[in-house]
Every structure is written in structure tokens, then in C-alpha cells.
Amino acid sequence: MHWHALNDERVRESLEAEYRRWRRCFVTLFRVLADERDAGPADGRDVDPLALGEAVAAAVDGLAEVDSGPVLRTLIRTLAADARA
């Protein structure tokens, strides 16, 4: 698959589209969390959902690659707990 991604434009475009879809889920999550918390510059909790969502998507992707289920569960529980706070 990796070889095809490097050498076949159709495969590369499909993988890029899938990864954009994957990142978009996290960006949407952080937009919703920011809206729920009314985070904005005035309260010192300004959040860039795009940057944060893409960073977390990359981190989760890397953790999944090394089969780090316990770390992923801890990350998700921490994010969910912070959203409820």
C-alpha cells in the first residue's frame, strides 16, 4: 500500500482524502467542545479547533499505529472529563 501511495496518483489522492476525513472528525469535535465551553479570547481559553483537531488526529493515528490502546483510552477519557468540567 505504501509503495502504491508513493507511486500511484489515484491511490495517493484516495489516501489523502481519507486522512482529511479522519482529521475533520477531530476538528469538528474540538469545535463542538469550544462552543460548549464558550471558549474565546475574552476568557483566556481561546482554542483553535483546526490546529488542535489536526494535532490530536495525528497523535491518535500514531498511537493507533503502535497499538497503544491504553494511551488512547486515557486521552479520550481526559478530553471527555475536561469537556464536562
PDB file of N, CA and C in Angstrom:
ATOM      1  N   MET A   1       0.829  -1.181   0.000  1.00  0.00           N
ATOM      2  CA  MET A   1       0.000   0.000   0.000  1.00  0.00           C
ATOM      3  C   MET A   1       0.876   1.248   0.000  1.00  0.00           C
ATOM      4  N   HIS A   2       1.916   1.229   0.817  1.00  0.00           N
ATOM      5  CA  HIS A   2       2.806   2.390   0.888  1.00  0.00           C
ATOM      6  C   HIS A   2       3.446   2.661  -0.471  1.00  0.00           C
ATOM      7  N   TRP A   3       3.887   1.628  -1.142  1.00  0.00           N
ATOM      8  CA  TRP A   3       4.510   1.803  -2.458  1.00  0.00           C
ATOM      9  C   TRP A   3       3.503   2.428  -3.429  1.00  0.00           C
ATOM     10  N   HIS A   4       2.266   1.930  -3.410  1.00  0.00           N
ATOM     11  CA  HIS A   4       1.236   2.484  -4.289  1.00  0.00           C
ATOM     12  C   HIS A   4       0.942   3.943  -3.953  1.00  0.00           C
ATOM     13  N   ALA A   5       0.930   4.251  -2.676  1.00  0.00           N
ATOM     14  CA  ALA A   5       0.662   5.631  -2.271  1.00  0.00           C
ATOM     15  C   ALA A   5       1.741   6.567  -2.798  1.00  0.00           C
ATOM     16  N   LEU A   6       2.950   6.084  -2.865  1.00  0.00           N
ATOM     17  CA  LEU A   6       4.041   6.911  -3.367  1.00  0.00           C
ATOM     18  C   LEU A   6       4.062   6.992  -4.888  1.00  0.00           C
ATOM     19  N   ASN A   7       3.561   5.958  -5.546  1.00  0.00           N
ATOM     20  CA  ASN A   7       3.743   5.862  -6.992  1.00  0.00           C
ATOM     21  C   ASN A   7       2.467   5.898  -7.823  1.00  0.00           C
ATOM     22  N   ASP A   8       1.320   5.846  -7.222  1.00  0.00           N
ATOM     23  CA  ASP A   8       0.074   5.846  -7.977  1.00  0.00           C
ATOM     24  C   ASP A   8      -0.765   7.045  -7.521  1.00  0.00           C
ATOM     25  N   GLU A   9      -0.989   7.959  -8.431  1.00  0.00           N
ATOM     26  CA  GLU A   9      -1.691   9.192  -8.084  1.00  0.00           C
ATOM     27  C   GLU A   9      -3.099   8.933  -7.550  1.00  0.00           C
ATOM     28  N   ARG A  10      -3.808   7.964  -8.127  1.00  0.00           N
ATOM     29  CA  ARG A  10      -5.167   7.653  -7.660  1.00  0.00           C
ATOM     30  C   ARG A  10      -5.162   7.165  -6.216  1.00  0.00           C
ATOM     31  N   VAL A  11      -4.213   6.296  -5.898  1.00  0.00           N
ATOM     32  CA  VAL A  11      -4.127   5.776  -4.532  1.00  0.00           C
ATOM     33  C   VAL A  11      -3.729   6.898  -3.578  1.00  0.00           C
ATOM     34  N   ARG A  12      -2.764   7.690  -3.985  1.00  0.00           N
ATOM     35  CA  ARG A  12      -2.305   8.801  -3.142  1.00  0.00           C
ATOM     36  C   ARG A  12      -3.461   9.769  -2.865  1.00  0.00           C
ATOM     37  N   GLU A  13      -4.232  10.114  -3.895  1.00  0.00           N
ATOM     38  CA  GLU A  13      -5.361  11.023  -3.714  1.00  0.00           C
ATOM     39  C   GLU A  13      -6.430  10.413  -2.802  1.00  0.00           C
ATOM     40  N   SER A  14      -6.684   9.126  -2.948  1.00  0.00           N
ATOM     41  CA  SER A  14      -7.665   8.451  -2.087  1.00  0.00           C
ATOM     42  C   SER A  14      -7.215   8.445  -0.635  1.00  0.00           C
ATOM     43  N   LEU A  15      -5.941   8.150  -0.409  1.00  0.00           N
ATOM     44  CA  LEU A  15      -5.428   8.144   0.963  1.00  0.00           C
ATOM     45  C   LEU A  15      -5.444   9.547   1.561  1.00  0.00           C
ATOM     46  N   GLU A  16      -5.101  10.540   0.764  1.00  0.00           N
ATOM     47  CA  GLU A  16      -5.139  11.921   1.256  1.00  0.00           C
ATOM     48  C   GLU A  16      -6.567  12.329   1.612  1.00  0.00           C
ATOM     49  N   ALA A  17      -7.528  11.939   0.780  1.00  0.00           N
ATOM     50  CA  ALA A  17      -8.934  12.258   1.063  1.00  0.00           C
ATOM     51  C   ALA A  17      -9.400  11.570   2.349  1.00  0.00           C
ATOM     52  N   GLU A  18      -9.004  10.328   2.527  1.00  0.00           N
ATOM     53  CA  GLU A  18      -9.388   9.595   3.735  1.00  0.00           C
ATOM     54  C   GLU A  18      -8.765  10.237   4.974  1.00  0.00           C
ATOM     55  N   TYR A  19      -7.521  10.650   4.876  1.00  0.00           N
ATOM     56  CA  TYR A  19      -6.890  11.276   6.033  1.00  0.00           C
ATOM     57  C   TYR A  19      -7.526  12.634   6.324  1.00  0.00           C
ATOM     58  N   ARG A  20      -7.937  13.390   5.311  1.00  0.00           N
ATOM     59  CA  ARG A  20      -8.653  14.652   5.541  1.00  0.00           C
ATOM     60  C   ARG A  20      -9.968  14.377   6.279  1.00  0.00           C
ATOM     61  N   ARG A  21     -10.674  13.315   5.861  1.00  0.00           N
ATOM     62  CA  ARG A  21     -11.921  12.939   6.528  1.00  0.00           C
ATOM     63  C   ARG A  21     -11.660  12.591   7.989  1.00  0.00           C
ATOM     64  N   TRP A  22     -10.590  11.846   8.231  1.00  0.00           N
ATOM     65  CA  TRP A  22     -10.200  11.442   9.587  1.00  0.00           C
ATOM     66  C   TRP A  22      -9.916  12.672  10.445  1.00  0.00           C
ATOM     67  N   ARG A  23      -9.139  13.619   9.919  1.00  0.00           N
ATOM     68  CA  ARG A  23      -8.814  14.842  10.668  1.00  0.00           C
ATOM     69  C   ARG A  23     -10.055  15.681  10.914  1.00  0.00           C
ATOM     70  N   ARG A  24     -10.949  15.739   9.931  1.00  0.00           N
ATOM     71  CA  ARG A  24     -12.148  16.567  10.045  1.00  0.00           C
ATOM     72  C   ARG A  24     -12.992  16.150  11.252  1.00  0.00           C
ATOM     73  N   CYS A  25     -13.049  14.867  11.573  1.00  0.00           N
ATOM     74  CA  CYS A  25     -13.799  14.402  12.748  1.00  0.00           C
ATOM     75  C   CYS A  25     -13.262  15.041  14.017  1.00  0.00           C
ATOM     76  N   PHE A  26     -11.952  15.106  14.138  1.00  0.00           N
ATOM     77  CA  PHE A  26     -11.347  15.691  15.337  1.00  0.00           C
ATOM     78  C   PHE A  26     -11.524  17.200  15.365  1.00  0.00           C
ATOM     79  N   VAL A  27     -11.417  17.842  14.219  1.00  0.00           N
ATOM     80  CA  VAL A  27     -11.636  19.285  14.154  1.00  0.00           C
ATOM     81  C   VAL A  27     -13.068  19.601  14.583  1.00  0.00           C
ATOM     82  N   THR A  28     -14.023  18.828  14.093  1.00  0.00           N
ATOM     83  CA  THR A  28     -15.424  19.012  14.483  1.00  0.00           C
ATOM     84  C   THR A  28     -15.604  18.808  15.979  1.00  0.00           C
ATOM     85  N   LEU A  29     -14.968  17.775  16.526  1.00  0.00           N
ATOM     86  CA  LEU A  29     -15.040  17.527  17.968  1.00  0.00           C
ATOM     87  C   LEU A  29     -14.570  18.743  18.756  1.00  0.00           C
ATOM     88  N   PHE A  30     -13.432  19.310  18.388  1.00  0.00           N
ATOM     89  CA  PHE A  30     -12.906  20.444  19.147  1.00  0.00           C
ATOM     90  C   PHE A  30     -13.689  21.729  18.893  1.00  0.00           C
ATOM     91  N   ARG A  31     -14.344  21.842  17.748  1.00  0.00           N
ATOM     92  CA  ARG A  31     -15.241  22.991  17.534  1.00  0.00           C
ATOM     93  C   ARG A  31     -16.440  22.887  18.471  1.00  0.00           C
ATOM     94  N   VAL A  32     -17.007  21.701  18.581  1.00  0.00           N
ATOM     95  CA  VAL A  32     -18.152  21.496  19.469  1.00  0.00           C
ATOM     96  C   VAL A  32     -17.744  21.754  20.922  1.00  0.00           C
ATOM     97  N   LEU A  33     -16.602  21.221  21.328  1.00  0.00           N
ATOM     98  CA  LEU A  33     -16.140  21.439  22.708  1.00  0.00           C
ATOM     99  C   LEU A  33     -15.908  22.922  22.981  1.00  0.00           C
ATOM    100  N   ALA A  34     -15.307  23.632  22.033  1.00  0.00           N
ATOM    101  CA  ALA A  34     -15.077  25.068  22.212  1.00  0.00           C
ATOM    102  C   ALA A  34     -16.402  25.813  22.323  1.00  0.00           C
ATOM    103  N   ASP A  35     -17.371  25.445  21.480  1.00  0.00           N
ATOM    104  CA  ASP A  35     -18.689  26.090  21.540  1.00  0.00           C
ATOM    105  C   ASP A  35     -19.387  25.802  22.862  1.00  0.00           C
ATOM    106  N   GLU A  36     -19.299  24.549  23.320  1.00  0.00           N
ATOM    107  CA  GLU A  36     -19.947  24.183  24.583  1.00  0.00           C
ATOM    108  C   GLU A  36     -19.346  24.930  25.760  1.00  0.00           C
ATOM    109  N   ARG A  37     -18.059  25.176  25.692  1.00  0.00           N
ATOM    110  CA  ARG A  37     -17.376  25.875  26.786  1.00  0.00           C
ATOM    111  C   ARG A  37     -17.411  27.382  26.595  1.00  0.00           C
ATOM    112  N   ASP A  38     -17.973  27.842  25.474  1.00  0.00           N
ATOM    113  CA  ASP A  38     -17.949  29.264  25.142  1.00  0.00           C
ATOM    114  C   ASP A  38     -16.540  29.813  25.221  1.00  0.00           C
ATOM    115  N   ALA A  39     -15.581  28.994  24.790  1.00  0.00           N
ATOM    116  CA  ALA A  39     -14.177  29.418  24.842  1.00  0.00           C
ATOM    117  C   ALA A  39     -13.954  30.519  23.823  1.00  0.00           C
ATOM    118  N   GLY A  40     -13.294  31.542  24.258  1.00  0.00           N
ATOM    119  CA  GLY A  40     -12.975  32.656  23.374  1.00  0.00           C
ATOM    120  C   GLY A  40     -11.847  33.472  23.952  1.00  0.00           C
ATOM    121  N   PRO A  41     -11.313  34.403  23.193  1.00  0.00           N
ATOM    122  CA  PRO A  41     -10.172  35.200  23.660  1.00  0.00           C
ATOM    123  C   PRO A  41     -10.448  35.934  24.959  1.00  0.00           C
ATOM    124  N   ALA A  42     -11.706  36.323  25.198  1.00  0.00           N
ATOM    125  CA  ALA A  42     -12.011  37.097  26.393  1.00  0.00           C
ATOM    126  C   ALA A  42     -11.803  36.306  27.676  1.00  0.00           C
ATOM    127  N   ASP A  43     -11.959  35.004  27.626  1.00  0.00           N
ATOM    128  CA  ASP A  43     -11.834  34.225  28.853  1.00  0.00           C
ATOM    129  C   ASP A  43     -10.487  33.518  28.988  1.00  0.00           C
ATOM    130  N   GLY A  44      -9.581  33.761  28.064  1.00  0.00           N
ATOM    131  CA  GLY A  44      -8.253  33.166  28.164  1.00  0.00           C
ATOM    132  C   GLY A  44      -8.187  31.717  27.749  1.00  0.00           C
ATOM    133  N   ARG A  45      -9.295  31.175  27.255  1.00  0.00           N
ATOM    134  CA  ARG A  45      -9.314  29.770  26.846  1.00  0.00           C
ATOM    135  C   ARG A  45      -9.505  29.641  25.344  1.00  0.00           C
ATOM    136  N   ASP A  46      -8.981  30.612  24.592  1.00  0.00           N
ATOM    137  CA  ASP A  46      -9.188  30.555  23.153  1.00  0.00           C
ATOM    138  C   ASP A  46      -8.553  29.296  22.587  1.00  0.00           C
ATOM    139  N   VAL A  47      -9.306  28.646  21.743  1.00  0.00           N
ATOM    140  CA  VAL A  47      -8.922  27.358  21.175  1.00  0.00           C
ATOM    141  C   VAL A  47      -9.012  27.460  19.665  1.00  0.00           C
ATOM    142  N   ASP A  48      -8.001  26.969  18.987  1.00  0.00           N
ATOM    143  CA  ASP A  48      -8.054  26.876  17.531  1.00  0.00           C
ATOM    144  C   ASP A  48      -8.434  25.443  17.205  1.00  0.00           C
ATOM    145  N   PRO A  49      -9.726  25.186  16.964  1.00  0.00           N
ATOM    146  CA  PRO A  49     -10.170  23.810  16.728  1.00  0.00           C
ATOM    147  C   PRO A  49      -9.465  23.143  15.552  1.00  0.00           C
ATOM    148  N   LEU A  50      -9.114  23.904  14.531  1.00  0.00           N
ATOM    149  CA  LEU A  50      -8.440  23.321  13.375  1.00  0.00           C
ATOM    150  C   LEU A  50      -7.063  22.799  13.765  1.00  0.00           C
ATOM    151  N   ALA A  51      -6.261  23.649  14.392  1.00  0.00           N
ATOM    152  CA  ALA A  51      -4.912  23.235  14.774  1.00  0.00           C
ATOM    153  C   ALA A  51      -4.950  22.109  15.806  1.00  0.00           C
ATOM    154  N   LEU A  52      -5.807  22.251  16.803  1.00  0.00           N
ATOM    155  CA  LEU A  52      -5.891  21.240  17.854  1.00  0.00           C
ATOM    156  C   LEU A  52      -6.436  19.924  17.313  1.00  0.00           C
ATOM    157  N   GLY A  53      -7.473  19.993  16.495  1.00  0.00           N
ATOM    158  CA  GLY A  53      -8.057  18.786  15.925  1.00  0.00           C
ATOM    159  C   GLY A  53      -7.080  18.034  15.044  1.00  0.00           C
ATOM    160  N   GLU A  54      -6.350  18.765  14.202  1.00  0.00           N
ATOM    161  CA  GLU A  54      -5.376  18.101  13.332  1.00  0.00           C
ATOM    162  C   GLU A  54      -4.213  17.520  14.133  1.00  0.00           C
ATOM    163  N   ALA A  55      -3.790  18.216  15.178  1.00  0.00           N
ATOM    164  CA  ALA A  55      -2.700  17.704  16.010  1.00  0.00           C
ATOM    165  C   ALA A  55      -3.132  16.426  16.738  1.00  0.00           C
ATOM    166  N   VAL A  56      -4.337  16.435  17.292  1.00  0.00           N
ATOM    167  CA  VAL A  56      -4.815  15.253  18.003  1.00  0.00           C
ATOM    168  C   VAL A  56      -5.036  14.098  17.031  1.00  0.00           C
ATOM    169  N   ALA A  57      -5.545  14.387  15.833  1.00  0.00           N
ATOM    170  CA  ALA A  57      -5.734  13.330  14.829  1.00  0.00           C
ATOM    171  C   ALA A  57      -4.400  12.674  14.494  1.00  0.00           C
ATOM    172  N   ALA A  58      -3.359  13.482  14.328  1.00  0.00           N
ATOM    173  CA  ALA A  58      -2.036  12.930  14.025  1.00  0.00           C
ATOM    174  C   ALA A  58      -1.513  12.100  15.198  1.00  0.00           C
ATOM    175  N   ALA A  59      -1.723  12.594  16.421  1.00  0.00           N
ATOM    176  CA  ALA A  59      -1.266  11.862  17.605  1.00  0.00           C
ATOM    177  C   ALA A  59      -2.003  10.535  17.747  1.00  0.00           C
ATOM    178  N   VAL A  60      -3.325  10.571  17.574  1.00  0.00           N
ATOM    179  CA  VAL A  60      -4.116   9.346  17.685  1.00  0.00           C
ATOM    180  C   VAL A  60      -3.721   8.352  16.598  1.00  0.00           C
ATOM    181  N   ASP A  61      -3.493   8.860  15.404  1.00  0.00           N
ATOM    182  CA  ASP A  61      -3.067   7.994  14.301  1.00  0.00           C
ATOM    183  C   ASP A  61      -1.748   7.304  14.651  1.00  0.00           C
ATOM    184  N   GLY A  62      -0.812   8.068  15.194  1.00  0.00           N
ATOM    185  CA  GLY A  62       0.478   7.494  15.585  1.00  0.00           C
ATOM    186  C   GLY A  62       0.341   6.486  16.712  1.00  0.00           C
ATOM    187  N   LEU A  63      -0.507   6.803  17.696  1.00  0.00           N
ATOM    188  CA  LEU A  63      -0.719   5.872  18.807  1.00  0.00           C
ATOM    189  C   LEU A  63      -1.396   4.596  18.328  1.00  0.00           C
ATOM    190  N   ALA A  64      -2.334   4.727  17.415  1.00  0.00           N
ATOM    191  CA  ALA A  64      -3.003   3.543  16.875  1.00  0.00           C
ATOM    192  C   ALA A  64      -2.019   2.681  16.098  1.00  0.00           C
ATOM    193  N   GLU A  65      -1.091   3.323  15.425  1.00  0.00           N
ATOM    194  CA  GLU A  65      -0.093   2.594  14.638  1.00  0.00           C
ATOM    195  C   GLU A  65       0.756   1.684  15.529  1.00  0.00           C
ATOM    196  N   VAL A  66       1.030   2.120  16.752  1.00  0.00           N
ATOM    197  CA  VAL A  66       1.859   1.318  17.653  1.00  0.00           C
ATOM    198  C   VAL A  66       0.999   0.506  18.634  1.00  0.00           C
ATOM    199  N   ASP A  67      -0.305   0.428  18.340  1.00  0.00           N
ATOM    200  CA  ASP A  67      -1.239  -0.373  19.131  1.00  0.00           C
ATOM    201  C   ASP A  67      -1.210   0.018  20.602  1.00  0.00           C
ATOM    202  N   SER A  68      -1.431   1.302  20.852  1.00  0.00           N
ATOM    203  CA  SER A  68      -1.386   1.813  22.211  1.00  0.00           C
ATOM    204  C   SER A  68      -2.784   2.117  22.728  1.00  0.00           C
ATOM    205  N   GLY A  69      -3.601   1.083  22.833  1.00  0.00           N
ATOM    206  CA  GLY A  69      -4.965   1.226  23.303  1.00  0.00           C
ATOM    207  C   GLY A  69      -5.100   1.909  24.650  1.00  0.00           C
ATOM    208  N   PRO A  70      -4.301   1.535  25.654  1.00  0.00           N
ATOM    209  CA  PRO A  70      -4.442   2.185  26.966  1.00  0.00           C
ATOM    210  C   PRO A  70      -4.176   3.691  26.905  1.00  0.00           C
ATOM    211  N   VAL A  71      -3.222   4.106  26.108  1.00  0.00           N
ATOM    212  CA  VAL A  71      -2.927   5.537  25.986  1.00  0.00           C
ATOM    213  C   VAL A  71      -4.087   6.250  25.294  1.00  0.00           C
ATOM    214  N   LEU A  72      -4.642   5.632  24.255  1.00  0.00           N
ATOM    215  CA  LEU A  72      -5.784   6.227  23.558  1.00  0.00           C
ATOM    216  C   LEU A  72      -6.984   6.359  24.494  1.00  0.00           C
ATOM    217  N   ARG A  73      -7.257   5.332  25.277  1.00  0.00           N
ATOM    218  CA  ARG A  73      -8.386   5.401  26.213  1.00  0.00           C
ATOM    219  C   ARG A  73      -8.171   6.508  27.237  1.00  0.00           C
ATOM    220  N   THR A  74      -6.950   6.648  27.742  1.00  0.00           N
ATOM    221  CA  THR A  74      -6.653   7.706  28.700  1.00  0.00           C
ATOM    222  C   THR A  74      -6.832   9.078  28.065  1.00  0.00           C
ATOM    223  N   LEU A  75      -6.363   9.235  26.843  1.00  0.00           N
ATOM    224  CA  LEU A  75      -6.515  10.504  26.130  1.00  0.00           C
ATOM    225  C   LEU A  75      -7.989  10.853  25.967  1.00  0.00           C
ATOM    226  N   ILE A  76      -8.790   9.904  25.533  1.00  0.00           N
ATOM    227  CA  ILE A  76     -10.212  10.159  25.302  1.00  0.00           C
ATOM    228  C   ILE A  76     -10.928  10.467  26.611  1.00  0.00           C
ATOM    229  N   ARG A  77     -10.627   9.702  27.671  1.00  0.00           N
ATOM    230  CA  ARG A  77     -11.249   9.975  28.976  1.00  0.00           C
ATOM    231  C   ARG A  77     -10.869  11.360  29.480  1.00  0.00           C
ATOM    232  N   THR A  78      -9.614  11.752  29.289  1.00  0.00           N
ATOM    233  CA  THR A  78      -9.154  13.074  29.743  1.00  0.00           C
ATOM    234  C   THR A  78      -9.862  14.174  28.978  1.00  0.00           C
ATOM    235  N   LEU A  79      -9.979  14.017  27.671  1.00  0.00           N
ATOM    236  CA  LEU A  79     -10.668  15.034  26.867  1.00  0.00           C
ATOM    237  C   LEU A  79     -12.135  15.125  27.269  1.00  0.00           C
ATOM    238  N   ALA A  80     -12.760  13.996  27.482  1.00  0.00           N
ATOM    239  CA  ALA A  80     -14.177  13.998  27.861  1.00  0.00           C
ATOM    240  C   ALA A  80     -14.371  14.608  29.239  1.00  0.00           C
ATOM    241  N   ALA A  81     -13.479  14.313  30.182  1.00  0.00           N
ATOM    242  CA  ALA A  81     -13.582  14.867  31.533  1.00  0.00           C
ATOM    243  C   ALA A  81     -13.421  16.375  31.505  1.00  0.00           C
ATOM    244  N   ASP A  82     -12.492  16.873  30.698  1.00  0.00           N
ATOM    245  CA  ASP A  82     -12.263  18.305  30.593  1.00  0.00           C
ATOM    246  C   ASP A  82     -13.479  18.997  29.997  1.00  0.00           C
ATOM    247  N   ALA A  83     -14.152  18.352  29.072  1.00  0.00           N
ATOM    248  CA  ALA A  83     -15.329  18.934  28.440  1.00  0.00           C
ATOM    249  C   ALA A  83     -16.479  19.068  29.447  1.00  0.00           C
ATOM    250  N   ARG A  84     -16.545  18.139  30.410  1.00  0.00           N
ATOM    251  CA  ARG A  84     -17.597  18.204  31.422  1.00  0.00           C
ATOM    252  C   ARG A  84     -17.293  19.199  32.515  1.00  0.00           C
ATOM    253  N   ALA A  85     -16.022  19.554  32.675  1.00  0.00           N
ATOM    254  CA  ALA A  85     -15.619  20.452  33.774  1.00  0.00           C
ATOM    255  C   ALA A  85     -16.157  21.858  33.607  1.00  0.00           C
TER     256      ALA A  85
END
